[in-house]
């Protein structure tokens, strides 16, 4: 008796949450060697601790890019402004505008 198993085909790249080293480098538009250098410098995330494979979380890569571009700081600042606007609106609603 033979037991056969079908291969599980990977989801398309855009539907996956993890990627290979080569895909991670391509995601940021760099060579694999340059991506490795960014990982060593701590500017890109380390691979995930998965046994037997090296994979990178695409969300962590995107957050690292946001941090490098300053976008993360801009979003944090915008969130703080939104919170202040909500607090001001609540204060004005409670105490009336002067």
N, C-alpha and C. Protein backbone atom coordinates (compact mmCIF):
# COMPACT_ATOMS: atom_id res chain seq x y z
N UNK A 1 0.85 -1.17 0.00
CA UNK A 1 0.00 0.00 0.00
C UNK A 1 0.90 1.24 0.00
N UNK A 2 0.58 2.15 -0.88
CA UNK A 2 1.32 3.41 -0.98
C UNK A 2 0.46 4.55 -0.46
N UNK A 3 1.09 5.41 0.28
CA UNK A 3 0.40 6.60 0.75
C UNK A 3 0.98 7.77 -0.02
N UNK A 4 0.12 8.54 -0.62
CA UNK A 4 0.58 9.71 -1.36
C UNK A 4 0.06 10.96 -0.68
N UNK A 5 0.80 11.98 -0.81
CA UNK A 5 0.39 13.27 -0.26
C UNK A 5 0.58 14.33 -1.33
N UNK A 6 -0.37 15.21 -1.41
CA UNK A 6 -0.25 16.30 -2.37
C UNK A 6 0.53 17.44 -1.74
N UNK A 7 1.26 18.14 -2.58
CA UNK A 7 1.99 19.31 -2.09
C UNK A 7 1.01 20.44 -1.79
N UNK A 8 1.32 21.15 -0.75
CA UNK A 8 0.53 22.33 -0.43
C UNK A 8 1.20 23.49 -1.14
N UNK A 9 0.49 24.13 -2.02
CA UNK A 9 1.06 25.25 -2.76
C UNK A 9 0.94 26.52 -1.94
N UNK A 10 1.98 27.30 -1.99
CA UNK A 10 2.03 28.55 -1.23
C UNK A 10 1.00 29.53 -1.76
N UNK A 11 0.51 30.35 -0.89
CA UNK A 11 -0.38 31.44 -1.29
C UNK A 11 0.41 32.42 -2.15
N UNK A 12 -0.28 33.22 -2.94
CA UNK A 12 0.42 34.28 -3.67
C UNK A 12 1.13 35.20 -2.67
N UNK A 13 2.21 35.81 -3.09
CA UNK A 13 3.04 36.63 -2.20
C UNK A 13 2.21 37.66 -1.44
N UNK A 14 1.31 38.34 -2.14
CA UNK A 14 0.55 39.42 -1.49
C UNK A 14 -0.38 38.90 -0.40
N UNK A 15 -0.70 37.61 -0.40
CA UNK A 15 -1.60 37.04 0.61
C UNK A 15 -0.86 36.42 1.79
N UNK A 16 0.46 36.31 1.70
CA UNK A 16 1.23 35.70 2.79
C UNK A 16 1.66 36.77 3.80
N UNK A 17 1.86 36.35 5.04
CA UNK A 17 2.34 37.27 6.07
C UNK A 17 3.84 37.14 6.30
N UNK A 18 4.43 36.07 5.78
CA UNK A 18 5.88 35.88 5.90
C UNK A 18 6.49 35.75 4.51
N UNK A 19 7.79 35.99 4.44
CA UNK A 19 8.49 35.89 3.15
C UNK A 19 9.90 35.36 3.37
N UNK A 20 10.48 34.89 2.29
CA UNK A 20 11.86 34.40 2.33
C UNK A 20 12.81 35.59 2.35
N UNK A 21 14.06 35.30 2.55
CA UNK A 21 15.10 36.34 2.56
C UNK A 21 15.13 37.07 1.22
N UNK A 22 15.10 36.32 0.14
CA UNK A 22 15.11 36.93 -1.20
C UNK A 22 13.87 37.80 -1.43
N UNK A 23 12.72 37.30 -0.99
CA UNK A 23 11.49 38.08 -1.13
C UNK A 23 11.53 39.33 -0.25
N UNK A 24 12.11 39.20 0.95
CA UNK A 24 12.22 40.36 1.84
C UNK A 24 13.10 41.43 1.21
N UNK A 25 14.20 41.02 0.61
CA UNK A 25 15.08 41.97 -0.07
C UNK A 25 14.34 42.63 -1.23
N UNK A 26 13.62 41.86 -1.99
CA UNK A 26 12.86 42.39 -3.11
C UNK A 26 11.77 43.35 -2.63
N UNK A 27 11.16 43.03 -1.50
CA UNK A 27 10.11 43.87 -0.94
C UNK A 27 10.61 45.29 -0.67
N UNK A 28 11.85 45.41 -0.23
CA UNK A 28 12.39 46.75 0.04
C UNK A 28 13.20 47.29 -1.14
N UNK A 29 13.25 46.51 -2.23
CA UNK A 29 13.95 46.97 -3.43
C UNK A 29 15.45 46.94 -3.33
N UNK A 30 15.98 45.95 -2.64
CA UNK A 30 17.43 45.86 -2.47
C UNK A 30 17.95 44.48 -2.87
N UNK A 31 19.25 44.37 -2.90
CA UNK A 31 19.86 43.06 -3.11
C UNK A 31 19.77 42.28 -1.79
N UNK A 32 19.96 40.98 -1.89
CA UNK A 32 19.94 40.14 -0.69
C UNK A 32 21.09 40.53 0.24
N UNK A 33 22.26 40.81 -0.32
CA UNK A 33 23.41 41.20 0.49
C UNK A 33 23.15 42.49 1.26
N UNK A 34 22.53 43.47 0.60
CA UNK A 34 22.23 44.74 1.27
C UNK A 34 21.17 44.53 2.35
N UNK A 35 20.17 43.69 2.06
CA UNK A 35 19.16 43.38 3.07
C UNK A 35 19.82 42.75 4.30
N UNK A 36 20.74 41.80 4.07
CA UNK A 36 21.47 41.18 5.18
C UNK A 36 22.20 42.23 6.01
N UNK A 37 22.79 43.20 5.34
CA UNK A 37 23.51 44.27 6.05
C UNK A 37 22.55 45.09 6.91
N UNK A 38 21.38 45.41 6.37
CA UNK A 38 20.39 46.16 7.14
C UNK A 38 19.91 45.37 8.36
N UNK A 39 19.80 44.05 8.21
CA UNK A 39 19.42 43.20 9.34
C UNK A 39 20.52 43.26 10.40
N UNK A 40 21.78 43.12 9.97
CA UNK A 40 22.91 43.16 10.92
C UNK A 40 22.97 44.50 11.66
N UNK A 41 22.63 45.59 10.96
CA UNK A 41 22.66 46.92 11.57
C UNK A 41 21.43 47.19 12.45
N UNK A 42 20.47 46.27 12.43
CA UNK A 42 19.26 46.45 13.23
C UNK A 42 18.23 47.36 12.57
N UNK A 43 18.43 47.68 11.29
CA UNK A 43 17.49 48.55 10.59
C UNK A 43 16.33 47.76 9.97
N UNK A 44 16.53 46.48 9.82
CA UNK A 44 15.49 45.55 9.37
C UNK A 44 15.38 44.45 10.42
N UNK A 45 14.21 43.82 10.54
CA UNK A 45 14.02 42.81 11.59
C UNK A 45 14.81 41.53 11.32
N UNK A 46 15.07 40.80 12.39
CA UNK A 46 15.66 39.47 12.29
C UNK A 46 14.60 38.52 11.74
N UNK A 47 15.03 37.37 11.25
CA UNK A 47 14.07 36.37 10.79
C UNK A 47 13.30 35.82 11.99
N UNK A 48 12.15 35.28 11.71
CA UNK A 48 11.31 34.71 12.76
C UNK A 48 11.93 33.43 13.30
N UNK A 49 11.68 33.09 14.55
CA UNK A 49 12.25 31.87 15.14
C UNK A 49 11.45 30.62 14.76
N UNK A 50 11.41 30.31 13.47
CA UNK A 50 10.71 29.12 12.99
C UNK A 50 11.73 28.01 12.78
N UNK A 51 11.47 26.82 13.30
CA UNK A 51 12.45 25.73 13.15
C UNK A 51 12.62 25.30 11.69
N UNK A 52 13.85 25.26 11.24
CA UNK A 52 14.16 24.72 9.92
C UNK A 52 14.03 25.65 8.74
N UNK A 53 13.48 26.84 8.93
CA UNK A 53 13.34 27.80 7.83
C UNK A 53 13.65 29.20 8.32
N UNK A 54 14.03 30.05 7.41
CA UNK A 54 14.22 31.47 7.73
C UNK A 54 13.16 32.26 7.00
N UNK A 55 12.29 32.88 7.76
CA UNK A 55 11.22 33.68 7.18
C UNK A 55 11.13 35.00 7.92
N UNK A 56 10.71 36.03 7.19
CA UNK A 56 10.55 37.37 7.76
C UNK A 56 9.08 37.74 7.74
N UNK A 57 8.66 38.41 8.79
CA UNK A 57 7.30 38.91 8.89
C UNK A 57 7.21 40.17 8.02
N UNK A 58 6.35 40.15 7.01
CA UNK A 58 6.24 41.29 6.09
C UNK A 58 5.79 42.56 6.82
N UNK A 59 4.95 42.40 7.85
CA UNK A 59 4.48 43.57 8.60
C UNK A 59 5.63 44.24 9.35
N UNK A 60 6.54 43.42 9.92
CA UNK A 60 7.70 43.99 10.61
C UNK A 60 8.60 44.73 9.63
N UNK A 61 8.75 44.19 8.44
CA UNK A 61 9.56 44.87 7.43
C UNK A 61 8.94 46.22 7.08
N UNK A 62 7.63 46.23 6.90
CA UNK A 62 6.96 47.49 6.55
C UNK A 62 7.06 48.50 7.69
N UNK A 63 6.94 48.03 8.94
CA UNK A 63 7.09 48.95 10.08
C UNK A 63 8.51 49.50 10.14
N UNK A 64 9.51 48.66 9.82
CA UNK A 64 10.90 49.13 9.80
C UNK A 64 11.09 50.19 8.73
N UNK A 65 10.47 49.99 7.56
CA UNK A 65 10.55 51.00 6.51
C UNK A 65 9.88 52.29 6.95
N UNK A 66 8.72 52.18 7.62
CA UNK A 66 8.04 53.37 8.12
C UNK A 66 8.92 54.13 9.10
N UNK A 67 9.60 53.40 9.97
CA UNK A 67 10.49 54.04 10.95
C UNK A 67 11.66 54.74 10.25
N UNK A 68 12.23 54.08 9.24
CA UNK A 68 13.36 54.68 8.51
C UNK A 68 12.94 55.92 7.74
N UNK A 69 11.73 55.92 7.21
CA UNK A 69 11.27 57.05 6.40
C UNK A 69 10.72 58.19 7.25
N UNK A 70 10.51 57.93 8.53
CA UNK A 70 9.91 58.95 9.39
C UNK A 70 8.40 58.88 9.40
N UNK A 71 7.82 57.99 8.60
CA UNK A 71 6.37 57.87 8.52
C UNK A 71 5.77 57.45 9.85
N UNK A 72 6.47 56.57 10.58
CA UNK A 72 5.97 56.11 11.88
C UNK A 72 5.82 57.30 12.83
N UNK A 73 6.78 58.20 12.82
CA UNK A 73 6.72 59.38 13.67
C UNK A 73 5.57 60.28 13.26
N UNK A 74 5.37 60.45 11.95
CA UNK A 74 4.27 61.28 11.47
C UNK A 74 2.93 60.70 11.88
N UNK A 75 2.78 59.38 11.77
CA UNK A 75 1.52 58.75 12.15
C UNK A 75 1.28 58.89 13.65
N UNK A 76 2.32 58.71 14.45
CA UNK A 76 2.19 58.86 15.89
C UNK A 76 1.78 60.29 16.23
N UNK A 77 2.40 61.26 15.57
CA UNK A 77 2.05 62.66 15.79
C UNK A 77 0.62 62.94 15.39
N UNK A 78 0.17 62.38 14.26
CA UNK A 78 -1.20 62.57 13.80
C UNK A 78 -2.18 61.95 14.79
N UNK A 79 -1.83 60.78 15.33
CA UNK A 79 -2.70 60.14 16.32
C UNK A 79 -2.80 60.98 17.58
N UNK A 80 -1.69 61.60 17.98
CA UNK A 80 -1.71 62.45 19.17
C UNK A 80 -2.57 63.69 18.92
N UNK A 81 -2.49 64.26 17.72
CA UNK A 81 -3.31 65.42 17.38
C UNK A 81 -4.78 65.04 17.38
N UNK A 82 -5.11 63.87 16.79
CA UNK A 82 -6.50 63.39 16.79
C UNK A 82 -7.02 63.24 18.21
N UNK A 83 -6.20 62.71 19.11
CA UNK A 83 -6.61 62.53 20.50
C UNK A 83 -6.85 63.88 21.17
N UNK A 84 -5.97 64.84 20.92
CA UNK A 84 -6.15 66.18 21.48
C UNK A 84 -7.42 66.83 20.94
N UNK A 85 -7.69 66.64 19.65
CA UNK A 85 -8.93 67.19 19.07
C UNK A 85 -10.15 66.58 19.73
N UNK A 86 -10.13 65.27 20.00
CA UNK A 86 -11.26 64.62 20.67
C UNK A 86 -11.43 65.17 22.09
N UNK A 87 -10.32 65.34 22.80
CA UNK A 87 -10.39 65.87 24.16
C UNK A 87 -10.93 67.30 24.16
N UNK A 88 -10.49 68.11 23.20
CA UNK A 88 -10.96 69.49 23.11
C UNK A 88 -12.45 69.52 22.78
N UNK A 89 -12.90 68.68 21.86
CA UNK A 89 -14.32 68.63 21.51
C UNK A 89 -15.15 68.20 22.71
N UNK A 90 -14.66 67.23 23.48
CA UNK A 90 -15.38 66.79 24.67
C UNK A 90 -15.45 67.90 25.71
N UNK A 91 -14.34 68.62 25.89
CA UNK A 91 -14.31 69.72 26.84
C UNK A 91 -15.29 70.82 26.42
N UNK A 92 -15.27 71.16 25.13
CA UNK A 92 -16.16 72.21 24.64
C UNK A 92 -17.62 71.79 24.75
N UNK A 93 -17.90 70.52 24.52
CA UNK A 93 -19.27 70.02 24.62
C UNK A 93 -19.75 70.10 26.08
N UNK A 94 -18.85 69.82 27.00
CA UNK A 94 -19.22 69.82 28.43
C UNK A 94 -19.33 71.24 28.97
N UNK A 95 -18.39 72.11 28.58
CA UNK A 95 -18.32 73.45 29.17
C UNK A 95 -18.78 74.54 28.23
N UNK A 96 -19.11 74.23 27.03
CA UNK A 96 -19.53 75.23 26.07
C UNK A 96 -18.35 76.01 25.54
N UNK A 97 -18.47 76.50 24.33
CA UNK A 97 -17.38 77.29 23.73
C UNK A 97 -17.39 78.70 24.29
N UNK A 98 -16.22 79.25 24.49
CA UNK A 98 -16.11 80.61 25.03
C UNK A 98 -15.58 81.52 23.99
